[in-house]
């Protein structure tokens, strides 16, 4: 298992509730659903920063896609749990973003996800992050103590 980085700065927080549809027959959250929770949290963080996926696709002909991720499942979440997904941006490159996402129940870490997002052209190849997006995300990192 790769060494997981420690998050920097004050993270964005996204709240959600575990529904029956999220669980397996034992009432435990199905492992792949944590990736869905993380995706929702990243999307909402970007939206709150003014970086909407639909606008990126329409105006800049680019999208952000997960290039790689490492997931560490520490403890299970169960039906009706109230969870918080914390997202900390770690690094912004010319065409990539690195982030750490932690799914928590109260103050207990349940799942840790280290990921790298790549900017890609809708035509299929790699693309640079639009300058305005890079500037917005850099400001978010810097405003959160990183």
C-alpha atoms as a PDB file:
ATOM      1  CA  UNK A   1       0.000   0.000   0.000  1.00  0.00           C
ATOM      2  CA  UNK A   2       1.444   3.418  -0.906  1.00  0.00           C
ATOM      3  CA  UNK A   3       2.251   5.873   1.870  1.00  0.00           C
ATOM      4  CA  UNK A   4      -0.679   8.242   2.256  1.00  0.00           C
ATOM      5  CA  UNK A   5       0.051  11.951   2.675  1.00  0.00           C
ATOM      6  CA  UNK A   6      -1.275  14.061   5.506  1.00  0.00           C
ATOM      7  CA  UNK A   7      -3.817  16.715   4.488  1.00  0.00           C
ATOM      8  CA  UNK A   8      -2.744  20.346   4.620  1.00  0.00           C
ATOM      9  CA  UNK A   9      -4.840  23.406   5.375  1.00  0.00           C
ATOM     10  CA  UNK A  10      -8.443  23.676   6.433  1.00  0.00           C
ATOM     11  CA  UNK A  11     -10.529  21.316   4.307  1.00  0.00           C
ATOM     12  CA  UNK A  12     -13.809  21.822   2.507  1.00  0.00           C
ATOM     13  CA  UNK A  13     -16.585  19.853   4.243  1.00  0.00           C
ATOM     14  CA  UNK A  14     -19.515  18.085   2.601  1.00  0.00           C
ATOM     15  CA  UNK A  15     -22.218  16.406   4.701  1.00  0.00           C
ATOM     16  CA  UNK A  16     -24.310  13.399   3.733  1.00  0.00           C
ATOM     17  CA  UNK A  17     -26.485  10.691   5.229  1.00  0.00           C
ATOM     18  CA  UNK A  18     -26.097   6.956   4.545  1.00  0.00           C
ATOM     19  CA  UNK A  19     -29.258   5.612   2.920  1.00  0.00           C
ATOM     20  CA  UNK A  20     -30.432   2.032   2.570  1.00  0.00           C
ATOM     21  CA  UNK A  21     -29.438   2.076  -1.120  1.00  0.00           C
ATOM     22  CA  UNK A  22     -25.810   2.777  -0.083  1.00  0.00           C
ATOM     23  CA  UNK A  23     -25.481  -0.401   1.961  1.00  0.00           C
ATOM     24  CA  UNK A  24     -24.960  -4.092   1.414  1.00  0.00           C
ATOM     25  CA  UNK A  25     -27.106  -6.864   2.901  1.00  0.00           C
ATOM     26  CA  UNK A  26     -25.466  -6.330   6.295  1.00  0.00           C
ATOM     27  CA  UNK A  27     -26.317  -2.623   6.481  1.00  0.00           C
ATOM     28  CA  UNK A  28     -22.686  -1.575   5.872  1.00  0.00           C
ATOM     29  CA  UNK A  29     -21.791   0.983   3.187  1.00  0.00           C
ATOM     30  CA  UNK A  30     -20.673  -0.822   0.023  1.00  0.00           C
ATOM     31  CA  UNK A  31     -16.993   0.020  -0.545  1.00  0.00           C
ATOM     32  CA  UNK A  32     -17.436   1.643  -3.987  1.00  0.00           C
ATOM     33  CA  UNK A  33     -19.963   4.122  -2.618  1.00  0.00           C
ATOM     34  CA  UNK A  34     -17.200   5.964  -0.769  1.00  0.00           C
ATOM     35  CA  UNK A  35     -15.834   6.942  -4.182  1.00  0.00           C
ATOM     36  CA  UNK A  36     -19.262   8.345  -5.062  1.00  0.00           C
ATOM     37  CA  UNK A  37     -19.331  10.317  -1.818  1.00  0.00           C
ATOM     38  CA  UNK A  38     -15.861  11.689  -2.592  1.00  0.00           C
ATOM     39  CA  UNK A  39     -16.920  12.653  -6.131  1.00  0.00           C
ATOM     40  CA  UNK A  40     -19.939  14.560  -4.814  1.00  0.00           C
ATOM     41  CA  UNK A  41     -17.788  16.339  -2.246  1.00  0.00           C
ATOM     42  CA  UNK A  42     -15.180  17.383  -4.855  1.00  0.00           C
ATOM     43  CA  UNK A  43     -17.902  18.559  -7.233  1.00  0.00           C
ATOM     44  CA  UNK A  44     -19.529  20.688  -4.524  1.00  0.00           C
ATOM     45  CA  UNK A  45     -16.176  22.116  -3.405  1.00  0.00           C
ATOM     46  CA  UNK A  46     -15.387  23.142  -6.988  1.00  0.00           C
ATOM     47  CA  UNK A  47     -18.904  24.523  -7.482  1.00  0.00           C
ATOM     48  CA  UNK A  48     -18.583  26.653  -4.326  1.00  0.00           C
ATOM     49  CA  UNK A  49     -15.308  28.010  -5.737  1.00  0.00           C
ATOM     50  CA  UNK A  50     -17.034  28.898  -9.021  1.00  0.00           C
ATOM     51  CA  UNK A  51     -15.538  26.015 -11.008  1.00  0.00           C
ATOM     52  CA  UNK A  52     -18.549  24.186 -12.417  1.00  0.00           C
ATOM     53  CA  UNK A  53     -17.962  21.057 -14.478  1.00  0.00           C
ATOM     54  CA  UNK A  54     -20.591  21.993 -17.064  1.00  0.00           C
ATOM     55  CA  UNK A  55     -19.001  25.401 -17.588  1.00  0.00           C
ATOM     56  CA  UNK A  56     -15.514  23.884 -17.936  1.00  0.00           C
ATOM     57  CA  UNK A  57     -16.834  21.552 -20.608  1.00  0.00           C
ATOM     58  CA  UNK A  58     -18.859  24.197 -22.430  1.00  0.00           C
ATOM     59  CA  UNK A  59     -16.475  27.161 -22.249  1.00  0.00           C
ATOM     60  CA  UNK A  60     -13.029  25.534 -22.082  1.00  0.00           C
ATOM     61  CA  UNK A  61     -13.643  22.154 -23.766  1.00  0.00           C
ATOM     62  CA  UNK A  62     -12.005  20.371 -20.801  1.00  0.00           C
ATOM     63  CA  UNK A  63     -13.013  18.134 -17.912  1.00  0.00           C
ATOM     64  CA  UNK A  64     -11.360  16.882 -14.746  1.00  0.00           C
ATOM     65  CA  UNK A  65     -10.987  13.126 -14.453  1.00  0.00           C
ATOM     66  CA  UNK A  66      -9.544  10.886 -11.758  1.00  0.00           C
ATOM     67  CA  UNK A  67      -6.144   9.731 -12.940  1.00  0.00           C
ATOM     68  CA  UNK A  68      -5.308   7.609  -9.923  1.00  0.00           C
ATOM     69  CA  UNK A  69      -6.474   7.077  -6.370  1.00  0.00           C
ATOM     70  CA  UNK A  70      -5.445   5.095  -3.321  1.00  0.00           C
ATOM     71  CA  UNK A  71      -8.160   4.234  -0.824  1.00  0.00           C
ATOM     72  CA  UNK A  72      -7.610   3.154   2.758  1.00  0.00           C
ATOM     73  CA  UNK A  73     -10.752   1.704   4.360  1.00  0.00           C
ATOM     74  CA  UNK A  74     -10.298   2.172   8.113  1.00  0.00           C
ATOM     75  CA  UNK A  75     -13.766   1.609   9.603  1.00  0.00           C
ATOM     76  CA  UNK A  76     -17.204   0.935   8.123  1.00  0.00           C
ATOM     77  CA  UNK A  77     -20.082   3.382   7.893  1.00  0.00           C
ATOM     78  CA  UNK A  78     -23.573   1.976   8.403  1.00  0.00           C
ATOM     79  CA  UNK A  79     -27.183   2.764   7.588  1.00  0.00           C
ATOM     80  CA  UNK A  80     -28.337   6.196   8.845  1.00  0.00           C
ATOM     81  CA  UNK A  81     -24.828   7.430   9.705  1.00  0.00           C
ATOM     82  CA  UNK A  82     -24.276  11.157   9.260  1.00  0.00           C
ATOM     83  CA  UNK A  83     -20.948  11.555   7.444  1.00  0.00           C
ATOM     84  CA  UNK A  84     -18.656  14.429   6.554  1.00  0.00           C
ATOM     85  CA  UNK A  85     -16.309  14.240   3.570  1.00  0.00           C
ATOM     86  CA  UNK A  86     -13.341  16.565   4.040  1.00  0.00           C
ATOM     87  CA  UNK A  87     -11.439  17.565   0.903  1.00  0.00           C
ATOM     88  CA  UNK A  88      -7.991  19.152   1.084  1.00  0.00           C
ATOM     89  CA  UNK A  89      -6.288  20.269  -2.102  1.00  0.00           C
ATOM     90  CA  UNK A  90      -2.589  19.481  -1.813  1.00  0.00           C
ATOM     91  CA  UNK A  91      -0.993  20.563  -5.068  1.00  0.00           C
ATOM     92  CA  UNK A  92      -1.959  22.137  -8.361  1.00  0.00           C
ATOM     93  CA  UNK A  93       0.138  21.468 -11.430  1.00  0.00           C
ATOM     94  CA  UNK A  94      -0.211  22.653 -14.999  1.00  0.00           C
ATOM     95  CA  UNK A  95      -2.671  19.869 -15.827  1.00  0.00           C
ATOM     96  CA  UNK A  96      -3.214  18.068 -12.494  1.00  0.00           C
ATOM     97  CA  UNK A  97      -4.678  18.458  -9.033  1.00  0.00           C
ATOM     98  CA  UNK A  98      -3.727  16.374  -6.013  1.00  0.00           C
ATOM     99  CA  UNK A  99      -6.152  16.050  -3.132  1.00  0.00           C
ATOM    100  CA  UNK A 100      -6.796  14.103   0.041  1.00  0.00           C
ATOM    101  CA  UNK A 101     -10.352  13.228   0.989  1.00  0.00           C
ATOM    102  CA  UNK A 102     -11.371  11.822   4.347  1.00  0.00           C
ATOM    103  CA  UNK A 103     -14.800  10.388   5.119  1.00  0.00           C
ATOM    104  CA  UNK A 104     -15.601  10.877   8.807  1.00  0.00           C
ATOM    105  CA  UNK A 105     -18.318   9.947  11.265  1.00  0.00           C
ATOM    106  CA  UNK A 106     -18.205  12.577  13.996  1.00  0.00           C
ATOM    107  CA  UNK A 107     -14.421  12.930  14.455  1.00  0.00           C
ATOM    108  CA  UNK A 108     -13.497   9.373  13.476  1.00  0.00           C
ATOM    109  CA  UNK A 109     -11.777   8.753  10.133  1.00  0.00           C
ATOM    110  CA  UNK A 110     -13.530   5.973   8.224  1.00  0.00           C
ATOM    111  CA  UNK A 111     -11.951   6.189   4.765  1.00  0.00           C
ATOM    112  CA  UNK A 112      -8.922   8.086   3.385  1.00  0.00           C
ATOM    113  CA  UNK A 113      -8.539   8.718  -0.333  1.00  0.00           C
ATOM    114  CA  UNK A 114      -5.392  10.139  -1.943  1.00  0.00           C
ATOM    115  CA  UNK A 115      -6.076  11.110  -5.515  1.00  0.00           C
ATOM    116  CA  UNK A 116      -4.734  12.838  -8.562  1.00  0.00           C
ATOM    117  CA  UNK A 117      -7.074  14.483 -11.045  1.00  0.00           C
ATOM    118  CA  UNK A 118      -6.017  15.208 -14.600  1.00  0.00           C
ATOM    119  CA  UNK A 119      -7.358  17.881 -16.881  1.00  0.00           C
ATOM    120  CA  UNK A 120      -8.333  16.412 -20.220  1.00  0.00           C
ATOM    121  CA  UNK A 121      -9.614  17.805 -23.452  1.00  0.00           C
ATOM    122  CA  UNK A 122     -13.073  16.649 -24.441  1.00  0.00           C
ATOM    123  CA  UNK A 123     -11.341  15.435 -27.601  1.00  0.00           C
ATOM    124  CA  UNK A 124      -9.568  12.866 -25.454  1.00  0.00           C
ATOM    125  CA  UNK A 125      -6.042  14.103 -24.755  1.00  0.00           C
ATOM    126  CA  UNK A 126      -4.362  15.768 -21.813  1.00  0.00           C
ATOM    127  CA  UNK A 127      -4.940  19.506 -21.444  1.00  0.00           C
ATOM    128  CA  UNK A 128      -3.664  22.300 -19.234  1.00  0.00           C
ATOM    129  CA  UNK A 129      -5.903  23.641 -16.507  1.00  0.00           C
ATOM    130  CA  UNK A 130      -7.429  26.935 -17.588  1.00  0.00           C
ATOM    131  CA  UNK A 131      -5.466  29.791 -15.984  1.00  0.00           C
ATOM    132  CA  UNK A 132      -8.513  31.156 -14.146  1.00  0.00           C
ATOM    133  CA  UNK A 133      -9.220  27.724 -12.630  1.00  0.00           C
ATOM    134  CA  UNK A 134      -5.598  27.296 -11.555  1.00  0.00           C
ATOM    135  CA  UNK A 135      -5.647  30.760  -9.958  1.00  0.00           C
ATOM    136  CA  UNK A 136      -8.934  30.086  -8.110  1.00  0.00           C
ATOM    137  CA  UNK A 137      -7.734  26.740  -6.764  1.00  0.00           C
ATOM    138  CA  UNK A 138      -4.340  28.166  -5.778  1.00  0.00           C
ATOM    139  CA  UNK A 139      -6.113  30.932  -3.850  1.00  0.00           C
ATOM    140  CA  UNK A 140      -8.211  28.296  -2.051  1.00  0.00           C
ATOM    141  CA  UNK A 141      -5.101  26.382  -1.006  1.00  0.00           C
ATOM    142  CA  UNK A 142      -3.322  29.544   0.134  1.00  0.00           C
ATOM    143  CA  UNK A 143      -6.354  30.839   2.040  1.00  0.00           C
ATOM    144  CA  UNK A 144      -6.488  27.604   4.008  1.00  0.00           C
ATOM    145  CA  UNK A 145      -3.044  27.782   5.540  1.00  0.00           C
ATOM    146  CA  UNK A 146      -1.076  25.614   3.112  1.00  0.00           C
END
